[in-house]
Protein backbone atom coordinates (compact mmCIF):
# COMPACT_ATOMS: atom_id res chain seq x y z
CA MET A 1 -141.82 -7.33 39.92
CA ASP A 2 -143.92 -4.57 38.02
CA GLY A 3 -143.17 -3.20 34.79
CA GLY A 4 -141.24 -0.09 35.81
CA LYS A 5 -139.03 -1.91 38.08
CA ARG A 6 -138.44 -4.61 35.57
CA LYS A 7 -137.36 -1.99 32.90
CA ARG A 8 -134.81 -0.22 35.42
CA SER A 9 -133.14 -3.47 36.15
CA ILE A 10 -131.23 -2.71 32.86
CA CYS A 11 -129.38 0.01 34.66
CA SER A 12 -128.04 -2.32 37.30
CA ARG A 13 -124.32 -3.35 37.14
CA GLN A 14 -125.02 -6.64 38.78
CA GLU A 15 -127.68 -7.72 36.30
CA PRO A 16 -126.16 -7.31 32.70
CA LEU A 17 -127.64 -10.47 31.64
CA ALA A 18 -131.12 -9.08 32.57
CA ALA A 19 -130.39 -6.27 30.54
CA LEU A 20 -129.41 -8.46 27.53
CA LYS A 21 -132.68 -10.15 27.97
CA ILE A 22 -134.70 -7.20 27.71
CA LEU A 23 -133.03 -6.04 24.69
CA LYS A 24 -133.18 -9.43 23.05
CA ASP A 25 -137.04 -9.29 23.53
CA GLY A 26 -137.18 -5.98 22.30
CA ASN A 27 -135.50 -6.85 19.04
CA ASN A 28 -136.65 -10.54 18.59
CA LYS A 29 -133.08 -11.57 17.63
CA ARG A 30 -132.19 -14.07 20.34
CA ASP A 31 -130.08 -16.13 18.18
CA GLU A 32 -127.88 -13.07 16.92
CA ILE A 33 -126.90 -11.61 20.23
CA PRO A 34 -124.03 -12.94 22.35
CA ASP A 35 -124.66 -14.34 25.80
CA ARG A 36 -121.53 -12.54 27.02
CA VAL A 37 -120.84 -8.93 26.21
CA THR A 38 -117.14 -7.90 27.01
CA LEU A 39 -114.54 -5.61 25.60
CA LYS A 40 -112.64 -7.68 22.81
CA LYS A 41 -108.83 -8.18 22.88
CA GLU A 42 -108.21 -7.24 19.01
CA ILE A 43 -105.06 -4.97 19.19
CA GLY A 44 -102.08 -6.78 18.24
CA LEU A 45 -98.60 -5.53 18.20
CA LEU A 46 -98.84 -3.97 14.48
CA SER A 47 -102.03 -2.25 15.62
CA ALA A 48 -100.55 -1.29 18.78
CA CYS A 49 -97.57 0.39 17.20
CA THR A 50 -100.00 2.21 14.78
CA ILE A 51 -102.20 3.57 17.57
CA ILE A 52 -99.25 5.03 19.06
CA ILE A 53 -97.55 6.35 15.85
CA GLY A 54 -101.12 7.41 14.49
CA ASN A 55 -101.73 9.33 17.62
CA ILE A 56 -98.60 11.29 17.75
CA ILE A 57 -98.46 12.04 14.24
CA GLY A 58 -101.54 13.93 13.85
CA SER A 59 -101.50 17.75 13.00
CA GLY A 60 -98.56 18.65 15.30
CA ILE A 61 -95.75 18.10 13.02
CA PHE A 62 -97.48 20.61 10.54
CA ILE A 63 -98.30 23.07 13.26
CA SER A 64 -95.66 23.03 15.78
CA PRO A 65 -92.52 23.86 13.84
CA LYS A 66 -93.56 27.40 13.39
CA GLY A 67 -94.05 27.76 17.32
CA VAL A 68 -90.80 26.02 18.08
CA LEU A 69 -88.87 28.21 15.90
CA GLU A 70 -90.53 31.41 16.96
CA HIS A 71 -89.72 30.66 20.63
CA SER A 72 -86.39 28.97 20.19
CA GLY A 73 -85.08 32.01 18.00
CA SER A 74 -82.90 29.81 15.69
CA VAL A 75 -82.85 26.85 13.51
CA GLY A 76 -80.05 24.99 15.37
CA LEU A 77 -81.82 25.30 18.86
CA ALA A 78 -85.09 24.45 17.29
CA LEU A 79 -83.67 20.95 16.10
CA ILE A 80 -82.37 20.51 19.30
CA VAL A 81 -85.75 21.08 20.96
CA TRP A 82 -87.16 18.60 18.64
CA ILE A 83 -84.43 15.78 19.41
CA LEU A 84 -84.70 16.41 23.23
CA GLY A 85 -88.58 16.45 22.99
CA GLY A 86 -88.38 12.86 21.53
CA CYS A 87 -85.87 11.71 24.27
CA ILE A 88 -88.26 12.99 27.02
CA ALA A 89 -91.27 11.21 25.42
CA ALA A 90 -88.99 8.14 25.53
CA LEU A 91 -88.27 8.45 29.12
CA GLY A 92 -91.91 9.08 29.78
CA SER A 93 -93.06 6.03 27.80
CA LEU A 94 -90.85 3.76 29.64
CA CYS A 95 -92.35 4.82 32.74
CA TYR A 96 -95.88 4.20 31.27
CA ALA A 97 -94.86 0.78 30.24
CA GLU A 98 -93.88 -0.19 33.74
CA LEU A 99 -97.15 1.31 34.83
CA GLY A 100 -99.22 -0.29 31.97
CA VAL A 101 -98.21 -3.74 32.93
CA THR A 102 -98.30 -3.34 36.74
CA ILE A 103 -101.90 -1.77 36.53
CA PRO A 104 -103.33 -3.45 33.56
CA LYS A 105 -106.52 -1.34 33.23
CA SER A 106 -107.47 0.96 30.33
CA GLY A 107 -107.54 4.60 31.03
CA GLY A 108 -104.03 5.49 31.05
CA ASP A 109 -102.88 8.26 33.35
CA TYR A 110 -106.44 8.51 35.16
CA SER A 111 -106.32 4.88 36.10
CA TYR A 112 -102.77 4.89 37.53
CA VAL A 113 -103.42 8.16 39.35
CA THR A 114 -106.69 6.89 40.83
CA GLU A 115 -105.11 3.50 41.82
CA ILE A 116 -102.06 5.17 43.41
CA PHE A 117 -103.33 8.60 44.86
CA GLY A 118 -107.06 7.96 45.22
CA GLY A 119 -110.19 9.29 43.70
CA LEU A 120 -109.94 13.15 43.89
CA VAL A 121 -106.55 13.43 41.99
CA GLY A 122 -107.76 10.88 39.54
CA PHE A 123 -110.84 12.67 38.84
CA LEU A 124 -109.09 16.11 38.34
CA LEU A 125 -106.89 14.67 35.69
CA LEU A 126 -110.11 13.11 34.29
CA TRP A 127 -112.06 16.26 34.47
CA SER A 128 -109.52 18.40 32.67
CA ALA A 129 -108.99 15.51 29.90
CA VAL A 130 -112.70 15.34 29.17
CA LEU A 131 -113.58 18.97 29.57
CA ILE A 132 -110.75 20.51 27.57
CA MET A 133 -107.62 18.58 26.80
CA TYR A 134 -108.71 15.90 24.45
CA PRO A 135 -111.93 17.73 22.79
CA THR A 136 -109.37 20.70 22.12
CA THR A 137 -106.86 18.31 20.59
CA LEU A 138 -109.29 16.74 18.40
CA ALA A 139 -110.70 20.15 17.30
CA VAL A 140 -107.32 21.13 16.29
CA ILE A 141 -106.59 18.25 14.34
CA ALA A 142 -109.89 18.28 12.67
CA LEU A 143 -109.51 21.84 11.74
CA THR A 144 -106.05 21.17 10.37
CA PHE A 145 -107.49 18.32 8.35
CA SER A 146 -110.34 20.79 6.85
CA ASN A 147 -107.85 23.46 6.40
CA TYR A 148 -105.61 21.27 4.05
CA VAL A 149 -108.53 19.63 2.40
CA LEU A 150 -109.96 23.11 1.30
CA GLN A 151 -106.59 24.69 0.57
CA PRO A 152 -106.50 23.65 -2.99
CA VAL A 153 -110.17 24.95 -3.42
CA PHE A 154 -109.26 28.37 -2.05
CA PRO A 155 -105.60 28.85 -3.32
CA ASP A 156 -105.28 32.41 -2.71
CA CYS A 157 -107.01 33.03 0.45
CA VAL A 158 -107.77 31.46 3.77
CA PRO A 159 -110.79 28.94 3.73
CA PRO A 160 -113.98 30.11 4.88
CA TYR A 161 -114.71 29.93 8.82
CA MET A 162 -118.05 27.92 8.27
CA ALA A 163 -116.65 25.76 5.57
CA THR A 164 -113.63 24.64 7.78
CA ARG A 165 -116.16 23.99 10.67
CA LEU A 166 -118.63 21.99 8.59
CA LEU A 167 -115.93 19.70 7.07
CA SER A 168 -114.46 19.14 10.55
CA THR A 169 -117.88 18.21 11.90
CA VAL A 170 -118.59 15.94 9.12
CA CYS A 171 -115.30 14.14 9.45
CA LEU A 172 -115.83 13.84 13.09
CA LEU A 173 -119.40 12.31 12.79
CA PHE A 174 -118.11 10.01 10.11
CA LEU A 175 -115.30 8.55 12.23
CA THR A 176 -117.49 8.47 15.29
CA TRP A 177 -119.94 6.06 13.56
CA VAL A 178 -116.97 3.92 12.23
CA ASN A 179 -115.75 3.54 15.96
CA CYS A 180 -119.40 3.02 17.01
CA SER A 181 -119.75 0.13 14.39
CA SER A 182 -116.59 -1.92 14.90
CA VAL A 183 -113.28 -2.01 17.01
CA ARG A 184 -111.72 -3.98 14.13
CA MET A 185 -112.86 -1.34 11.29
CA ALA A 186 -111.47 1.57 13.54
CA THR A 187 -108.04 -0.30 14.08
CA ARG A 188 -107.96 -1.04 10.36
CA ILE A 189 -108.37 2.48 9.39
CA GLN A 190 -105.72 3.48 11.84
CA ASP A 191 -103.41 1.02 10.38
CA VAL A 192 -103.87 2.16 6.77
CA PHE A 193 -103.79 5.83 7.55
CA THR A 194 -100.68 5.46 9.85
CA VAL A 195 -98.91 4.23 6.92
CA GLY A 196 -100.14 7.08 4.93
CA LYS A 197 -98.90 9.56 7.40
CA LEU A 198 -95.28 7.90 7.25
CA ALA A 199 -95.47 8.01 3.40
CA ALA A 200 -96.34 11.70 3.47
CA LEU A 201 -93.53 12.53 5.88
CA GLY A 202 -91.29 10.21 3.81
CA LEU A 203 -92.18 12.31 0.80
CA ILE A 204 -91.12 15.47 2.87
CA ILE A 205 -87.73 13.95 3.91
CA VAL A 206 -86.75 12.52 0.36
CA VAL A 207 -87.35 15.76 -1.22
CA GLY A 208 -85.45 17.70 1.64
CA LEU A 209 -82.53 15.18 1.30
CA VAL A 210 -82.60 15.59 -2.48
CA GLN A 211 -82.16 19.48 -1.63
CA ILE A 212 -79.37 18.82 0.81
CA CYS A 213 -77.59 16.54 -1.85
CA LYS A 214 -77.62 19.40 -4.29
CA GLY A 215 -76.11 21.61 -1.91
CA ASN A 216 -78.92 23.65 -0.50
CA TYR A 217 -78.02 23.21 2.97
CA GLU A 218 -76.73 26.57 3.97
CA GLY A 219 -79.38 27.14 6.59
CA LEU A 220 -78.40 24.13 8.30
CA THR A 221 -74.59 24.89 8.70
CA PRO A 222 -73.64 25.51 12.27
CA GLN A 223 -72.66 29.14 11.82
CA VAL A 224 -76.18 29.88 10.06
CA ALA A 225 -78.12 27.71 12.08
CA PHE A 226 -77.17 29.10 15.34
CA GLU A 227 -77.79 32.64 14.43
CA PHE A 228 -80.34 34.12 16.81
CA SER A 229 -82.88 36.52 15.35
CA THR A 230 -83.61 37.28 18.94
CA THR A 231 -81.89 35.89 22.00
CA PRO A 232 -84.47 33.59 23.71
CA SER A 233 -84.89 33.60 27.35
CA VAL A 234 -85.14 30.41 29.45
CA GLY A 235 -88.95 30.89 29.55
CA GLN A 236 -89.07 31.22 25.83
CA ILE A 237 -87.21 27.94 25.41
CA ALA A 238 -89.56 26.20 27.78
CA LEU A 239 -92.47 27.54 25.55
CA ALA A 240 -90.70 26.03 22.69
CA PHE A 241 -90.72 22.66 24.37
CA LEU A 242 -94.42 22.78 25.10
CA GLN A 243 -94.95 23.46 21.31
CA ALA A 244 -92.99 20.36 20.46
CA SER A 245 -94.63 18.32 23.20
CA PHE A 246 -97.96 19.10 21.55
CA ALA A 247 -96.33 17.37 18.48
CA PHE A 248 -95.44 14.52 20.45
CA SER A 249 -98.57 14.12 22.58
CA GLY A 250 -100.15 10.79 22.15
CA TRP A 251 -97.21 8.70 23.28
CA ASN A 252 -99.08 7.37 26.27
CA PHE A 253 -102.35 6.72 24.32
CA LEU A 254 -101.95 2.82 24.12
CA ASN A 255 -102.17 2.85 27.84
CA TYR A 256 -105.86 4.01 27.38
CA VAL A 257 -106.87 0.72 25.67
CA THR A 258 -104.65 -1.93 27.81
CA GLU A 259 -107.57 -4.29 28.18
CA GLU A 260 -108.03 -4.48 24.44
CA VAL A 261 -104.55 -5.52 23.64
CA VAL A 262 -103.60 -8.73 22.89
CA GLU A 263 -100.86 -10.11 25.37
CA PRO A 264 -100.47 -6.45 26.94
CA ARG A 265 -97.57 -7.47 29.22
CA ARG A 266 -95.57 -8.51 26.12
CA ASN A 267 -97.07 -6.06 23.34
CA LEU A 268 -97.42 -2.92 25.28
CA PRO A 269 -93.72 -2.28 25.91
CA ARG A 270 -92.55 -3.63 22.59
CA ALA A 271 -95.08 -1.13 20.76
CA ILE A 272 -93.60 1.82 22.89
CA TYR A 273 -89.98 0.71 22.26
CA ILE A 274 -90.77 0.67 18.39
CA SER A 275 -92.83 3.69 17.90
CA ILE A 276 -91.27 6.39 20.12
CA PRO A 277 -87.72 6.17 18.48
CA LEU A 278 -89.41 5.89 15.04
CA VAL A 279 -91.51 8.94 15.46
CA THR A 280 -88.39 11.04 16.90
CA PHE A 281 -86.17 10.04 13.98
CA VAL A 282 -89.05 11.04 11.38
CA TYR A 283 -89.87 14.38 13.16
CA THR A 284 -86.15 15.39 13.14
CA LEU A 285 -85.59 14.51 9.44
CA THR A 286 -88.87 16.43 8.65
CA ASN A 287 -87.71 19.57 10.23
CA ILE A 288 -84.27 19.19 8.61
CA ALA A 289 -86.19 18.96 5.30
CA TYR A 290 -88.23 22.09 6.03
CA PHE A 291 -85.09 24.11 6.84
CA SER A 292 -83.31 22.97 3.70
CA ALA A 293 -86.01 24.61 1.53
CA MET A 294 -87.47 27.31 3.63
CA SER A 295 -85.79 30.21 5.50
CA PRO A 296 -86.79 30.86 8.94
CA GLU A 297 -88.65 33.77 8.10
CA GLU A 298 -90.68 31.77 5.25
CA LEU A 299 -91.32 29.15 7.78
CA LEU A 300 -92.63 31.64 10.36
CA SER A 301 -94.76 33.55 7.77
CA SER A 302 -96.53 30.31 6.41
CA ASN A 303 -99.85 29.11 7.74
CA ALA A 304 -99.35 25.79 6.31
CA VAL A 305 -95.76 24.69 6.39
CA ALA A 306 -96.00 21.56 4.44
CA VAL A 307 -98.20 23.38 1.61
CA THR A 308 -95.50 25.92 1.41
CA PHE A 309 -92.69 23.37 1.36
CA GLY A 310 -94.69 21.55 -1.52
CA GLU A 311 -95.39 24.73 -3.62
CA LYS A 312 -91.57 25.66 -3.49
CA LEU A 313 -90.08 22.26 -4.37
CA LEU A 314 -92.78 20.05 -6.12
CA GLY A 315 -94.19 22.54 -8.50
CA MET A 316 -97.15 21.07 -10.40
CA PHE A 317 -97.29 17.90 -7.88
CA SER A 318 -97.56 20.25 -5.02
CA VAL A 319 -101.40 19.30 -4.72
CA ILE A 320 -99.82 16.03 -3.25
CA MET A 321 -98.91 17.78 0.00
CA PRO A 322 -102.22 19.03 1.29
CA ILE A 323 -104.00 15.51 0.32
CA SER A 324 -101.09 13.81 2.22
CA VAL A 325 -101.37 16.03 5.23
CA ALA A 326 -105.39 15.62 5.14
CA LEU A 327 -104.84 11.86 5.26
CA SER A 328 -102.38 12.06 8.25
CA THR A 329 -104.82 14.05 10.13
CA PHE A 330 -107.60 11.95 9.41
CA GLY A 331 -106.05 9.00 10.86
CA GLY A 332 -104.94 11.15 13.87
CA ILE A 333 -108.80 12.19 14.39
CA ASN A 334 -109.65 8.19 14.31
CA GLY A 335 -106.96 7.55 16.97
CA TYR A 336 -107.72 10.41 19.50
CA LEU A 337 -111.51 9.29 19.16
CA PHE A 338 -110.67 5.59 19.70
CA THR A 339 -108.45 6.26 22.69
CA SER A 340 -110.23 9.14 24.26
CA SER A 341 -113.47 7.28 24.38
CA ARG A 342 -111.85 4.58 26.48
CA LEU A 343 -110.96 7.26 29.05
CA CYS A 344 -114.51 8.35 29.38
CA PHE A 345 -115.45 4.51 29.53
CA SER A 346 -112.78 3.98 32.43
CA GLY A 347 -114.03 7.07 34.31
CA ALA A 348 -117.45 5.84 34.36
CA ARG A 349 -116.74 2.45 35.38
CA GLU A 350 -114.86 3.90 38.35
CA GLY A 351 -118.00 5.95 39.27
CA HIS A 352 -116.51 9.26 38.49
CA LEU A 353 -118.78 9.83 35.19
CA PRO A 354 -122.33 8.99 34.57
CA SER A 355 -122.72 5.18 34.46
CA LEU A 356 -124.05 5.38 30.92
CA LEU A 357 -120.66 6.03 29.68
CA ALA A 358 -119.33 2.50 31.05
CA MET A 359 -121.64 0.75 28.75
CA ILE A 360 -120.86 -0.90 25.28
CA HIS A 361 -123.08 -2.10 22.41
CA PHE A 362 -124.58 -5.36 23.18
CA LYS A 363 -123.37 -6.92 19.75
CA ASN A 364 -120.41 -4.59 18.47
CA CYS A 365 -119.08 -4.39 21.96
CA THR A 366 -117.98 -0.76 21.36
CA PRO A 367 -118.53 2.23 24.00
CA ILE A 368 -121.03 3.92 21.89
CA PRO A 369 -122.15 6.53 24.65
CA ALA A 370 -118.37 7.32 25.44
CA LEU A 371 -117.78 7.77 21.70
CA LEU A 372 -120.87 10.21 21.34
CA CYS A 373 -119.72 12.15 24.39
CA CYS A 374 -116.20 12.68 22.82
CA CYS A 375 -117.63 13.79 19.66
CA THR A 376 -120.27 16.17 21.03
CA ALA A 377 -117.39 17.83 23.40
CA THR A 378 -115.30 18.26 20.23
CA ILE A 379 -118.03 19.80 18.07
CA VAL A 380 -118.93 22.29 20.96
CA ILE A 381 -115.10 23.37 21.12
CA LEU A 382 -115.38 23.69 17.46
CA CYS A 383 -118.30 26.14 17.64
CA ILE A 384 -116.75 28.23 20.18
CA GLY A 385 -114.10 29.72 18.06
CA GLU A 386 -110.33 29.90 17.73
CA THR A 387 -108.80 26.90 19.01
CA HIS A 388 -105.32 27.22 18.10
CA ASN A 389 -104.75 29.53 21.20
CA LEU A 390 -105.71 26.58 23.32
CA ILE A 391 -102.64 24.65 22.48
CA ASN A 392 -100.48 26.13 25.30
CA TYR A 393 -103.27 25.39 27.73
CA VAL A 394 -103.50 21.82 26.35
CA SER A 395 -99.61 21.32 26.40
CA PHE A 396 -99.51 22.56 30.07
CA ILE A 397 -102.30 20.33 31.36
CA ASN A 398 -100.59 17.36 29.49
CA TYR A 399 -97.31 18.08 30.91
CA LEU A 400 -98.84 18.42 34.50
CA SER A 401 -100.86 15.09 34.20
CA TYR A 402 -97.63 13.32 32.96
CA GLY A 403 -95.65 14.57 35.81
CA VAL A 404 -98.26 13.51 38.46
CA THR A 405 -98.48 9.99 36.96
CA ILE A 406 -94.73 9.31 36.98
CA ALA A 407 -94.40 10.78 40.41
CA GLY A 408 -96.94 8.01 41.19
CA LEU A 409 -94.67 5.52 39.97
CA LEU A 410 -92.01 6.38 42.32
CA TYR A 411 -94.74 6.45 45.20
CA TYR A 412 -96.13 3.20 44.28
CA ARG A 413 -92.62 1.70 44.32
CA TRP A 414 -92.29 2.83 47.93
CA LYS A 415 -95.82 2.06 48.86
CA LYS A 416 -96.05 -1.47 47.42
CA PRO A 417 -92.34 -2.71 47.02
CA LYS A 418 -93.65 -6.39 46.81
CA LEU A 419 -96.00 -5.73 43.68
CA TYR A 420 -95.08 -7.92 40.85
CA ARG A 421 -93.71 -5.68 38.00
CA PRO A 422 -93.15 -7.40 34.78
CA ILE A 423 -91.10 -4.28 33.76
CA LYS A 424 -89.13 -2.34 36.18
CA VAL A 425 -87.25 0.71 34.90
CA ASN A 426 -84.13 2.09 36.39
CA LEU A 427 -84.98 4.82 39.07
CA LEU A 428 -82.88 7.27 37.10
CA VAL A 429 -85.56 7.24 34.39
CA PRO A 430 -88.49 8.81 36.23
CA ILE A 431 -86.24 10.90 38.34
CA THR A 432 -84.50 12.40 35.04
CA TYR A 433 -88.01 12.87 33.59
CA LEU A 434 -89.25 14.64 36.79
CA MET A 435 -86.37 17.04 36.85
CA PHE A 436 -86.81 18.22 33.33
CA TRP A 437 -90.69 18.27 34.10
CA ALA A 438 -90.35 20.50 37.15
CA LEU A 439 -87.98 22.78 35.15
CA LEU A 440 -90.22 23.06 32.25
CA LEU A 441 -93.36 23.98 34.22
CA GLY A 442 -91.47 26.26 36.47
CA PHE A 443 -90.11 28.43 33.74
CA SER A 444 -93.37 28.19 31.74
CA LEU A 445 -95.23 29.46 35.03
CA TYR A 446 -92.56 32.40 35.06
CA SER A 447 -92.74 33.22 31.32
CA GLU A 448 -96.50 32.81 30.87
CA PRO A 449 -98.29 32.99 34.14
CA VAL A 450 -101.75 33.69 32.53
CA VAL A 451 -101.58 30.69 30.31
CA CYS A 452 -100.50 28.30 33.02
CA GLY A 453 -102.97 29.76 35.42
CA VAL A 454 -105.94 29.32 33.25
CA GLY A 455 -104.69 25.73 32.90
CA LEU A 456 -104.51 25.15 36.61
CA VAL A 457 -107.98 26.89 37.00
CA ILE A 458 -109.43 24.47 34.63
CA MET A 459 -108.07 21.58 36.49
CA LEU A 460 -109.13 22.94 39.81
CA THR A 461 -112.76 23.59 38.67
CA GLY A 462 -113.03 19.88 39.00
CA VAL A 463 -112.99 19.93 43.00
CA PRO A 464 -116.29 21.08 43.66
CA VAL A 465 -117.73 18.88 40.85
CA TYR A 466 -115.83 15.95 42.45
CA PHE A 467 -117.38 16.61 45.99
CA LEU A 468 -121.00 17.33 44.71
CA GLY A 469 -121.27 14.78 42.05
CA VAL A 470 -118.90 11.75 43.25
CA HIS A 471 -118.33 12.08 47.12
CA TRP A 472 -121.62 13.31 47.92
CA LYS A 473 -123.56 10.15 48.35
CA ALA A 474 -126.76 11.26 50.06
CA LYS A 475 -128.31 13.18 47.06
CA PRO A 476 -132.17 13.88 47.01
CA LYS A 477 -134.05 10.90 45.65
CA CYS A 478 -135.40 12.88 42.62
CA ILE A 479 -131.73 13.29 41.51
CA TYR A 480 -131.18 9.63 41.51
CA ASP A 481 -134.61 8.89 39.99
CA PHE A 482 -133.81 11.41 37.13
CA ILE A 483 -130.36 9.78 36.46
CA GLU A 484 -131.84 6.43 36.15
CA SER A 485 -134.52 7.36 33.99
CA ALA A 486 -132.29 9.02 31.69
CA THR A 487 -129.94 6.14 31.63
CA TYR A 488 -132.61 3.59 30.96
CA VAL A 489 -133.92 5.81 28.05
CA ALA A 490 -130.27 6.20 26.53
CA GLN A 491 -129.67 2.34 26.87
CA ARG A 492 -132.87 1.82 24.79
CA LEU A 493 -131.72 4.20 22.23
CA CYS A 494 -128.10 3.11 22.03
CA PHE A 495 -128.58 -0.58 22.72
CA VAL A 496 -125.77 -0.64 25.43
CA VAL A 497 -125.43 -2.73 28.37
CA PHE A 498 -122.57 -2.90 31.17
CA PRO A 499 -119.85 -5.40 30.08
CA GLN A 500 -118.70 -8.15 31.95
CA PHE A 501 -115.17 -8.50 33.24
CA ASP A 502 -113.03 -11.21 34.08
CA PRO A 503 -111.61 -9.98 37.31
CA ILE A 504 -108.48 -11.95 36.94
CA GLU A 505 -107.82 -10.51 33.57
CA ILE A 506 -107.74 -6.94 34.95
CA SER A 507 -106.67 -7.29 38.50
CA PRO A 508 -103.30 -5.23 38.92
CA ILE A 509 -102.40 -6.71 42.37
CA GLU A 510 -99.94 -9.44 42.05
CA GLU A 511 -97.32 -9.38 44.92
CA TRP A 512 -93.96 -11.12 45.48
CA PRO A 513 -94.36 -14.15 47.75
CA ASP A 514 -92.28 -13.92 51.33
CA LYS A 515 -88.90 -15.27 50.88
CA SER A 516 -89.66 -17.93 53.56
CA SER A 517 -92.07 -19.60 51.27
CA ASP A 518 -90.72 -22.64 49.41
CA THR A 519 -93.76 -23.52 47.60
CA LEU A 520 -94.63 -20.24 45.83
CA SER A 521 -92.64 -18.95 42.77
CA ARG A 522 -93.06 -15.72 40.79
CA LYS A 523 -96.05 -15.38 38.60
CA SER A 524 -95.21 -14.62 34.94
């Protein structure tokens, strides 16, 4: 075999050990490099809970209260929206728990929809997520982080545009480096900062409860709470739910890293059952605390709700609030990077994204190319301009993907009734979720046709990309040569190879035996 062909054997999925050999020879560290490169199962129950809580509690609870109140028109209806938003997230998470243990693959919605409906539908979800949904969400969280960090430096004005972008970029690059270096380090950061997030929200809740105990709860009495500044239409209420859904987004993110969870059939549902009720409880009490200290007018006029709350009640200690929010959003960025990179990894493994994104570092076992892709896409979104206007687009696409995935659960029940399901939710759960989902999207389309139309267009732009990039196999040889050469160069730069998988470990197909069989029993 000539030298060029020998080098390009790195790019073969069938020869990961050959790739390892070349990398070993290039580094002269044979004794330090493992013979088997694979994703590591390092996410226990605690880390699984912190991934869910850490991804949900990012910037949403510090941004969305303003949008929810604005669209709902009253304090009382806003609180109802927050509670119902948590209940809907709980119903969806129950459905995802069933899908996660029935189809135990990393990749979440994308992997389930691809398995159930086929490549095109799965690719459209992947396309919208990689192109705008997760980069935009990461950009919003990063900007919230930089705004709160810089708020004490610029107390009398909005922080400069370039300063917020530069600080956001530095934060993204640092956390990308952490995630590239070690899965364990990334999960430990997630654990620590999730505790910090809950402590920050706990401070808001305690201060708010003190206010209520002092008798400052006039705005929460039913007579005042349900005084509408303007009577909201059904479409406006739907938009209020979309704003709340942004704060709850991330409840399904543990499903993106299923293959790295220790005993996923036990820990995945447990983490969901613990995390979603806890977040709903904390969010509701946080909003009650806000309304105990601020009038609706004050909240609507605030650009940083938590900072305004702190300035009003904490006096000289108000600086604690922006620091606490910054720590919260810092952990949110880490969680989104960790999970969204696994989506790119799963998409590449299925052949829907460049194969380079399905590779992991030969020693650290981290998906470096996928992490760099997510980081780059987020920085591009940051440079484009104002990202807060994209929250409604993101929320619409999020809800659309949730509904398609949960509809897939019902279809899969009908398509494969004998498939072994360690968790099997009552049919009323997905049906109730889908009824709410259809109403919400229908009224959102009626109320904001442009916003929802743009979201649909973003998703549908993936159709020609799918047929040209994935479905069309007979591409000119020069295209394949270019892709192969680029992949080879990138592998040498990033020291990455294709991981080896245990097919038993990730196989989703386990069916019940026929009733006539006396020798087989259900698998646990």
